[in-house]
Amino acid sequence: MKHFPGAANRVAVGQLYMKLKEEYGPRLDINFYDPRCFVFLFDTLRYRLRGDEVTWVLNGKVIFRGIPEWEKLKDAIDGVLPAS
């Protein structure tokens, strides 16, 4: 992976994504935005997204920049998402 900058981040995000889908299923709507795409210009400016940094937005608020630990991400979501 040393030849592919950002590959480790993509793997880590993928693992967190799978945990999120397993934990919350359809109760959590997950979207991925590429700040290099013009379609997402508004969101890119609003949340100050960068192509080299993973940004986590929950209910319109940036909650993490970078890759959070699973427990911190889960706690942030549990604090907002109603229990099933």
Protein backbone atom coordinates (compact mmCIF):
# COMPACT_ATOMS: atom_id res chain seq x y z
CA MET A 1 0.00 0.00 0.00
CA LYS A 2 3.01 2.30 0.20
CA HIS A 3 2.58 3.06 -3.50
CA PHE A 4 -1.04 4.18 -3.08
CA PRO A 5 -1.37 7.28 -0.89
CA GLY A 6 -4.56 7.19 1.12
CA ALA A 7 -5.13 3.46 0.61
CA ALA A 8 -4.82 2.76 4.34
CA ASN A 9 -7.50 5.39 5.04
CA ARG A 10 -9.83 3.80 2.51
CA VAL A 11 -9.36 0.39 4.13
CA ALA A 12 -9.98 1.82 7.62
CA VAL A 13 -13.10 3.68 6.46
CA GLY A 14 -14.34 0.50 4.78
CA GLN A 15 -13.96 -1.43 8.02
CA LEU A 16 -15.83 1.26 9.96
CA TYR A 17 -18.52 1.33 7.27
CA MET A 18 -19.09 -2.41 7.65
CA LYS A 19 -19.36 -2.05 11.44
CA LEU A 20 -21.83 0.82 11.01
CA LYS A 21 -24.00 -1.21 8.64
CA GLU A 22 -23.90 -4.18 11.02
CA GLU A 23 -24.67 -2.09 14.12
CA TYR A 24 -27.32 0.27 12.73
CA GLY A 25 -28.58 -1.26 9.50
CA PRO A 26 -31.21 0.87 7.75
CA ARG A 27 -31.55 3.25 10.73
CA LEU A 28 -28.40 5.06 9.60
CA ASP A 29 -28.14 6.66 6.15
CA ILE A 30 -24.50 6.70 5.03
CA ASN A 31 -23.25 8.77 2.10
CA PHE A 32 -19.78 9.15 0.64
CA TYR A 33 -18.78 12.44 -1.02
CA ASP A 34 -15.73 13.10 -3.15
CA PRO A 35 -14.73 16.76 -2.71
CA ARG A 36 -13.13 16.71 -6.16
CA CYS A 37 -16.55 16.20 -7.77
CA PHE A 38 -18.39 19.38 -8.79
CA VAL A 39 -21.74 17.82 -7.83
CA PHE A 40 -20.71 18.02 -4.17
CA LEU A 41 -19.38 21.59 -4.30
CA PHE A 42 -21.91 22.91 -1.78
CA ASP A 43 -21.11 20.17 0.75
CA THR A 44 -17.38 20.53 0.08
CA LEU A 45 -17.51 24.22 0.98
CA ARG A 46 -20.01 23.82 3.83
CA TYR A 47 -18.03 21.13 5.65
CA ARG A 48 -14.58 22.17 4.38
CA LEU A 49 -13.97 18.75 2.86
CA ARG A 50 -10.53 17.90 1.52
CA GLY A 51 -9.46 15.13 -0.78
CA ASP A 52 -6.69 14.00 1.55
CA GLU A 53 -8.74 13.90 4.76
CA VAL A 54 -11.69 11.78 5.82
CA THR A 55 -14.44 13.91 7.37
CA TRP A 56 -17.40 12.51 9.31
CA VAL A 57 -20.62 14.56 9.29
CA LEU A 58 -23.61 13.64 11.44
CA ASN A 59 -26.88 15.55 11.14
CA GLY A 60 -25.16 18.44 9.38
CA LYS A 61 -22.31 18.81 11.87
CA VAL A 62 -18.68 17.74 11.45
CA ILE A 63 -17.99 15.27 14.26
CA PHE A 64 -14.56 13.92 13.22
CA ARG A 65 -11.74 14.67 10.85
CA GLY A 66 -9.54 11.68 10.17
CA ILE A 67 -10.27 8.11 11.21
CA PRO A 68 -11.93 7.90 14.64
CA GLU A 69 -11.78 4.91 16.94
CA TRP A 70 -14.86 2.70 16.63
CA GLU A 71 -16.09 3.40 20.17
CA LYS A 72 -15.86 7.18 19.73
CA LEU A 73 -17.74 7.01 16.44
CA LYS A 74 -20.39 4.72 17.93
CA ASP A 75 -20.81 6.97 20.98
CA ALA A 76 -21.29 10.03 18.76
CA ILE A 77 -23.95 8.26 16.69
CA ASP A 78 -25.68 6.72 19.71
CA GLY A 79 -25.96 10.21 21.21
CA VAL A 80 -28.06 11.33 18.24
CA LEU A 81 -29.77 8.26 16.78
CA PRO A 82 -32.86 7.02 18.63
CA ALA A 83 -32.56 3.51 20.06
CA SER A 84 -34.28 0.77 18.10
